[in-house]
Amino acid sequence: MTAAAAGEVAAARPDTDLHIAVLNGHREAFFDAGHAQQLVEQWNSVYAGTIDRDRAEGHPEAADRLTGRVESCAQEHWRRHGPGGMTAVWSRVPRFQTQHARSASFTGFARRRELQSSGPYVRSVWEFQSWFTTQAVRRRIEFRPRGVLEVGAYGVDQQAVETAFEDAVAHVLASPNTDDHLDPAGVLRVLRGLAEGDVRRYTAFEASVHTDVRAAIACGLVEEQDQLRLNAEGRAFAERHALAALSDPQRDAWEELPELTEAVTELGDRHAAAAQPR
């Protein structure tokens, strides 16, 4: 949260420098030197153990970077180059609190498999950090490249965090396709990629990769064992609709190509059939 978001930006005084708290490479600007110094002292107290350990283990550069310090900066320079400009200058010390958190990540498209999980932990957070919250709990489910899904819960109420995390994990494991939809162009990109032996060529870093791959699985054209691959129906589909002859999928909206009308219709029928109760 910025100073502007808190609604507490003081009037600029162009005759005075700003005071910058430098925290492991992150910079927060203050009108009052005392506020910047208080934040730095708080930061150094929280990370004192890590700083001392880095020095003891022979990593002085890491310790120096993590150690907070206060620097001066001309207002005009910050106005032009500082993150957020003058609207992000604090007129008070940002709030601080400890926060409970849990997280886990899963891989797999048709069936989720746990990649890694953290036990309950407590972390220190400040108001300027994106995960700061005063709520009892906040939950997140985020999709990452190559089908990785991250689940997390954090907040000020330990039991609420634990309950929300367990509920989120149970939902992911029981209903991996709950929010899926059919994007014909995305599914066609997946099918062509698999037909050419490299699904990642087209989909690895697209936000919708998890949905497109699972939609292809739901259509009965792709299977997932140790890795994704076209099944017999998928290979026949790719050959029948000449996917290998299509132009670059990064540029063209495939579902709008006249020669793919039948392919798009077939995908729609297959996906709709998969959604019917069995």
Protein backbone atom coordinates (compact mmCIF):
# COMPACT_ATOMS: atom_id res chain seq x y z
CA MET A 1 0.00 0.00 0.00
CA THR A 2 1.38 3.42 -0.91
CA ALA A 3 1.22 6.58 1.13
CA ALA A 4 -1.34 7.91 -1.34
CA ALA A 5 -3.54 4.86 -0.84
CA ALA A 6 -3.44 5.54 2.89
CA GLY A 7 -4.60 9.10 2.19
CA GLU A 8 -1.89 10.60 4.31
CA VAL A 9 0.47 12.36 1.94
CA ALA A 10 1.88 15.52 3.43
CA ALA A 11 2.33 18.69 1.42
CA ALA A 12 5.69 18.75 -0.34
CA ARG A 13 8.33 21.09 0.99
CA PRO A 14 10.57 21.76 -2.00
CA ASP A 15 13.34 23.25 0.15
CA THR A 16 14.01 19.98 2.00
CA ASP A 17 15.31 16.59 0.93
CA LEU A 18 13.35 13.40 1.30
CA HIS A 19 14.56 10.57 3.53
CA ILE A 20 14.71 7.16 1.87
CA ALA A 21 14.54 3.91 3.80
CA VAL A 22 16.51 1.37 1.75
CA LEU A 23 15.39 -2.17 2.65
CA ASN A 24 17.09 -5.02 0.81
CA GLY A 25 16.99 -3.01 -2.42
CA HIS A 26 13.44 -1.72 -1.85
CA ARG A 27 13.01 2.03 -1.30
CA GLU A 28 10.35 3.91 0.66
CA ALA A 29 10.39 7.74 0.81
CA PHE A 30 9.52 9.89 3.85
CA PHE A 31 9.20 13.59 4.57
CA ASP A 32 10.34 13.09 8.16
CA ALA A 33 13.77 11.60 8.89
CA GLY A 34 12.51 10.15 12.16
CA HIS A 35 9.85 8.10 10.39
CA ALA A 36 12.40 6.66 7.96
CA GLN A 37 14.80 5.84 10.79
CA GLN A 38 12.05 4.16 12.82
CA LEU A 39 11.16 1.91 9.89
CA VAL A 40 14.81 1.00 9.32
CA GLU A 41 15.34 0.14 12.98
CA GLN A 42 12.22 -2.01 12.94
CA TRP A 43 13.37 -3.77 9.78
CA ASN A 44 16.87 -4.43 11.15
CA SER A 45 15.42 -5.80 14.37
CA VAL A 46 13.21 -8.26 12.48
CA TYR A 47 16.06 -9.45 10.24
CA ALA A 48 18.85 -9.29 12.82
CA GLY A 49 19.19 -13.08 12.96
CA THR A 50 19.48 -13.44 9.18
CA ILE A 51 21.95 -10.55 8.95
CA ASP A 52 24.17 -12.02 11.70
CA ARG A 53 24.02 -15.49 10.13
CA ASP A 54 25.02 -14.17 6.69
CA ARG A 55 28.03 -12.42 8.19
CA ALA A 56 29.04 -15.47 10.24
CA GLU A 57 28.80 -17.72 7.17
CA GLY A 58 30.98 -15.41 5.08
CA HIS A 59 28.34 -13.59 3.04
CA PRO A 60 28.95 -9.93 3.92
CA GLU A 61 27.44 -8.66 0.65
CA ALA A 62 24.11 -10.35 1.42
CA ALA A 63 24.20 -9.03 4.99
CA ASP A 64 24.95 -5.49 3.84
CA ARG A 65 22.12 -5.59 1.28
CA LEU A 66 19.60 -6.85 3.83
CA THR A 67 20.62 -4.29 6.45
CA GLY A 68 18.30 -1.28 6.22
CA ARG A 69 19.69 2.23 6.02
CA VAL A 70 18.48 5.80 5.50
CA GLU A 71 19.61 7.90 2.54
CA SER A 72 18.74 11.41 1.38
CA CYS A 73 17.17 12.27 -1.95
CA ALA A 74 16.25 15.59 -3.54
CA GLN A 75 12.51 15.95 -3.96
CA GLU A 76 12.81 16.79 -7.63
CA HIS A 77 14.81 13.63 -8.28
CA TRP A 78 12.23 11.47 -6.48
CA ARG A 79 9.41 13.28 -8.28
CA ARG A 80 10.95 12.29 -11.62
CA HIS A 81 12.42 8.88 -10.84
CA GLY A 82 11.05 7.56 -7.55
CA PRO A 83 8.43 4.78 -7.60
CA GLY A 84 5.07 6.52 -7.40
CA GLY A 85 6.60 9.99 -7.36
CA MET A 86 5.52 12.40 -4.64
CA THR A 87 2.19 10.62 -4.17
CA ALA A 88 4.14 7.71 -2.64
CA VAL A 89 5.96 9.73 0.02
CA TRP A 90 4.97 8.76 3.56
CA SER A 91 4.05 11.25 6.27
CA ARG A 92 3.96 8.53 8.93
CA VAL A 93 5.55 5.17 9.71
CA PRO A 94 3.91 2.32 7.73
CA ARG A 95 2.03 -0.17 9.86
CA PHE A 96 3.73 -3.43 10.79
CA GLN A 97 2.38 -6.77 11.97
CA THR A 98 3.12 -10.47 12.08
CA GLN A 99 1.06 -12.69 9.84
CA HIS A 100 0.25 -16.39 9.68
CA ALA A 101 0.64 -18.16 6.34
CA ARG A 102 0.43 -21.53 4.55
CA SER A 103 1.27 -22.40 0.96
CA ALA A 104 1.51 -25.35 -1.40
CA SER A 105 2.04 -25.95 -5.10
CA PHE A 106 0.75 -28.69 -7.36
CA THR A 107 1.56 -29.92 -10.82
CA GLY A 108 -0.49 -31.90 -13.32
CA PHE A 109 -3.45 -30.98 -15.50
CA ALA A 110 -6.01 -33.75 -15.23
CA ARG A 111 -4.89 -34.87 -11.78
CA ARG A 112 -3.14 -32.62 -9.30
CA ARG A 113 0.02 -33.91 -7.63
CA GLU A 114 1.69 -32.06 -4.77
CA LEU A 115 4.96 -30.41 -5.74
CA GLN A 116 5.82 -28.85 -2.40
CA SER A 117 4.08 -27.61 0.71
CA SER A 118 4.98 -25.43 3.68
CA GLY A 119 3.85 -26.02 7.22
CA PRO A 120 2.30 -23.12 9.16
CA TYR A 121 4.72 -20.22 9.46
CA VAL A 122 4.73 -16.65 10.73
CA ARG A 123 6.16 -13.77 8.72
CA SER A 124 6.70 -10.08 9.27
CA VAL A 125 4.90 -7.70 6.93
CA TRP A 126 4.71 -3.95 6.43
CA GLU A 127 1.97 -1.85 4.93
CA PHE A 128 3.91 -1.15 1.75
CA GLN A 129 4.14 -4.87 0.89
CA SER A 130 1.49 -6.35 -1.40
CA TRP A 131 0.62 -9.21 0.97
CA PHE A 132 -0.08 -6.90 3.93
CA THR A 133 -3.60 -7.34 5.29
CA THR A 134 -5.50 -6.72 8.51
CA GLN A 135 -8.12 -9.31 7.55
CA ALA A 136 -8.47 -12.58 9.43
CA VAL A 137 -7.57 -14.48 6.27
CA ARG A 138 -7.07 -14.06 2.54
CA ARG A 139 -6.88 -16.99 0.15
CA ARG A 140 -5.20 -17.20 -3.25
CA ILE A 141 -5.15 -19.79 -6.02
CA GLU A 142 -2.84 -18.85 -8.88
CA PHE A 143 -1.91 -20.73 -12.04
CA ARG A 144 1.70 -20.72 -13.18
CA PRO A 145 3.41 -21.90 -16.39
CA ARG A 146 3.43 -25.60 -17.30
CA GLY A 147 0.36 -26.42 -15.29
CA VAL A 148 1.71 -25.53 -11.84
CA LEU A 149 -0.94 -24.27 -9.46
CA GLU A 150 -0.10 -22.38 -6.25
CA VAL A 151 -2.43 -22.33 -3.26
CA GLY A 152 -1.96 -20.03 -0.30
CA ALA A 153 -3.70 -18.52 2.70
CA TYR A 154 -2.50 -15.74 4.96
CA GLY A 155 -3.88 -13.35 7.56
CA VAL A 156 -3.90 -12.38 11.20
CA ASP A 157 -6.05 -15.27 12.50
CA GLN A 158 -4.05 -18.49 12.64
CA GLN A 159 -7.03 -20.84 12.77
CA ALA A 160 -8.82 -19.02 9.95
CA VAL A 161 -5.68 -19.28 7.82
CA GLU A 162 -5.35 -23.00 8.49
CA THR A 163 -9.01 -23.65 7.68
CA ALA A 164 -8.95 -21.59 4.46
CA PHE A 165 -5.78 -23.32 3.31
CA GLU A 166 -7.14 -26.80 3.92
CA ASP A 167 -10.39 -25.93 2.13
CA ALA A 168 -8.49 -24.54 -0.87
CA VAL A 169 -6.29 -27.62 -1.16
CA ALA A 170 -9.29 -29.95 -0.88
CA HIS A 171 -11.08 -27.98 -3.62
CA VAL A 172 -8.09 -28.16 -5.96
CA LEU A 173 -7.60 -31.89 -5.46
CA ALA A 174 -11.30 -32.75 -5.80
CA SER A 175 -12.26 -30.37 -8.60
CA PRO A 176 -9.25 -29.53 -10.79
CA ASN A 177 -11.47 -28.50 -13.71
CA THR A 178 -14.14 -26.51 -11.88
CA ASP A 179 -13.37 -23.18 -13.54
CA ASP A 180 -12.35 -24.44 -16.96
CA HIS A 181 -13.85 -23.19 -20.19
CA LEU A 182 -13.28 -23.89 -23.86
CA ASP A 183 -11.11 -21.53 -25.90
CA PRO A 184 -10.92 -23.25 -29.30
CA ALA A 185 -7.84 -21.32 -30.42
CA GLY A 186 -6.03 -22.23 -27.21
CA VAL A 187 -6.92 -25.91 -27.51
CA LEU A 188 -5.83 -25.96 -31.16
CA ARG A 189 -2.48 -24.46 -30.17
CA VAL A 190 -2.07 -27.20 -27.57
CA LEU A 191 -2.95 -29.91 -30.09
CA ARG A 192 -0.57 -28.60 -32.72
CA GLY A 193 2.20 -28.26 -30.18
CA LEU A 194 1.76 -31.84 -29.01
CA ALA A 195 1.55 -33.07 -32.60
CA GLU A 196 4.93 -31.43 -33.21
CA GLY A 197 6.34 -32.83 -29.98
CA ASP A 198 6.57 -29.56 -28.04
CA VAL A 199 3.45 -28.16 -26.38
CA ARG A 200 5.64 -25.56 -24.67
CA ARG A 201 6.43 -23.92 -28.01
CA TYR A 202 3.06 -22.19 -27.91
CA THR A 203 1.72 -22.38 -24.40
CA ALA A 204 4.36 -22.52 -21.67
CA PHE A 205 4.12 -18.92 -20.55
CA GLU A 206 0.54 -18.08 -21.48
CA ALA A 207 -1.78 -17.46 -18.56
CA SER A 208 -4.43 -19.80 -19.94
CA VAL A 209 -2.18 -22.82 -20.48
CA HIS A 210 -3.75 -24.82 -17.63
CA THR A 211 -7.27 -24.26 -18.98
CA ASP A 212 -6.38 -25.00 -22.59
CA VAL A 213 -4.56 -28.23 -21.78
CA ARG A 214 -7.27 -29.50 -19.46
CA ALA A 215 -9.93 -28.56 -22.03
CA ALA A 216 -8.02 -30.66 -24.57
CA ILE A 217 -8.01 -33.51 -22.04
CA ALA A 218 -11.74 -33.06 -21.42
CA CYS A 219 -12.33 -33.24 -25.18
CA GLY A 220 -10.78 -36.69 -25.14
CA LEU A 221 -7.85 -35.74 -27.39
CA VAL A 222 -4.97 -35.57 -24.91
CA GLU A 223 -3.88 -37.85 -22.09
CA GLU A 224 -1.57 -37.25 -19.17
CA GLN A 225 0.72 -39.90 -17.75
CA ASP A 226 4.34 -39.01 -17.07
CA GLN A 227 3.89 -36.27 -19.66
CA LEU A 228 1.23 -34.84 -21.94
CA ARG A 229 0.65 -36.51 -25.29
CA LEU A 230 -1.98 -36.88 -27.97
CA ASN A 231 -3.98 -40.07 -27.73
CA ALA A 232 -5.19 -41.94 -30.82
CA GLU A 233 -8.24 -39.68 -31.19
CA GLY A 234 -6.05 -36.62 -30.80
CA ARG A 235 -3.65 -37.75 -33.51
CA ALA A 236 -6.57 -38.47 -35.81
CA PHE A 237 -8.06 -35.05 -35.04
CA ALA A 238 -4.77 -33.30 -35.84
CA GLU A 239 -4.44 -35.14 -39.14
CA ARG A 240 -8.12 -34.78 -40.11
CA HIS A 241 -8.03 -31.00 -39.66
CA ALA A 242 -4.47 -30.53 -40.97
CA LEU A 243 -3.24 -28.68 -37.88
CA ALA A 244 0.37 -28.95 -39.02
CA ALA A 245 -0.45 -26.76 -42.04
CA LEU A 246 -1.80 -23.86 -39.98
CA SER A 247 -0.10 -20.48 -39.86
CA ASP A 248 1.68 -19.13 -36.79
CA PRO A 249 -0.69 -19.47 -33.80
CA GLN A 250 0.93 -16.50 -32.10
CA ARG A 251 -0.54 -14.17 -34.72
CA ASP A 252 -3.77 -15.70 -35.98
CA ALA A 253 -7.12 -16.31 -34.29
CA TRP A 254 -7.46 -19.90 -35.41
CA GLU A 255 -11.13 -20.35 -34.63
CA GLU A 256 -11.93 -17.64 -37.21
CA LEU A 257 -10.21 -19.43 -40.09
CA PRO A 258 -12.84 -20.87 -42.48
CA GLU A 259 -10.91 -24.12 -42.90
CA LEU A 260 -11.18 -24.72 -39.16
CA THR A 261 -14.95 -24.36 -38.83
CA GLU A 262 -15.40 -28.10 -38.58
CA ALA A 263 -12.57 -28.46 -36.06
CA VAL A 264 -14.00 -25.72 -33.82
CA THR A 265 -17.47 -27.26 -34.03
CA GLU A 266 -16.09 -30.66 -33.10
CA LEU A 267 -14.23 -29.22 -30.12
CA GLY A 268 -17.40 -27.53 -28.91
CA ASP A 269 -19.38 -30.76 -29.19
CA ARG A 270 -16.69 -32.76 -27.41
CA HIS A 271 -16.32 -30.23 -24.57
CA ALA A 272 -20.08 -29.96 -24.08
CA ALA A 273 -20.41 -33.75 -23.97
CA ALA A 274 -17.65 -33.96 -21.34
CA ALA A 275 -19.58 -31.51 -19.13
CA GLN A 276 -22.70 -33.69 -19.06
CA PRO A 277 -23.38 -35.69 -15.88
CA ARG A 278 -22.33 -39.29 -16.18
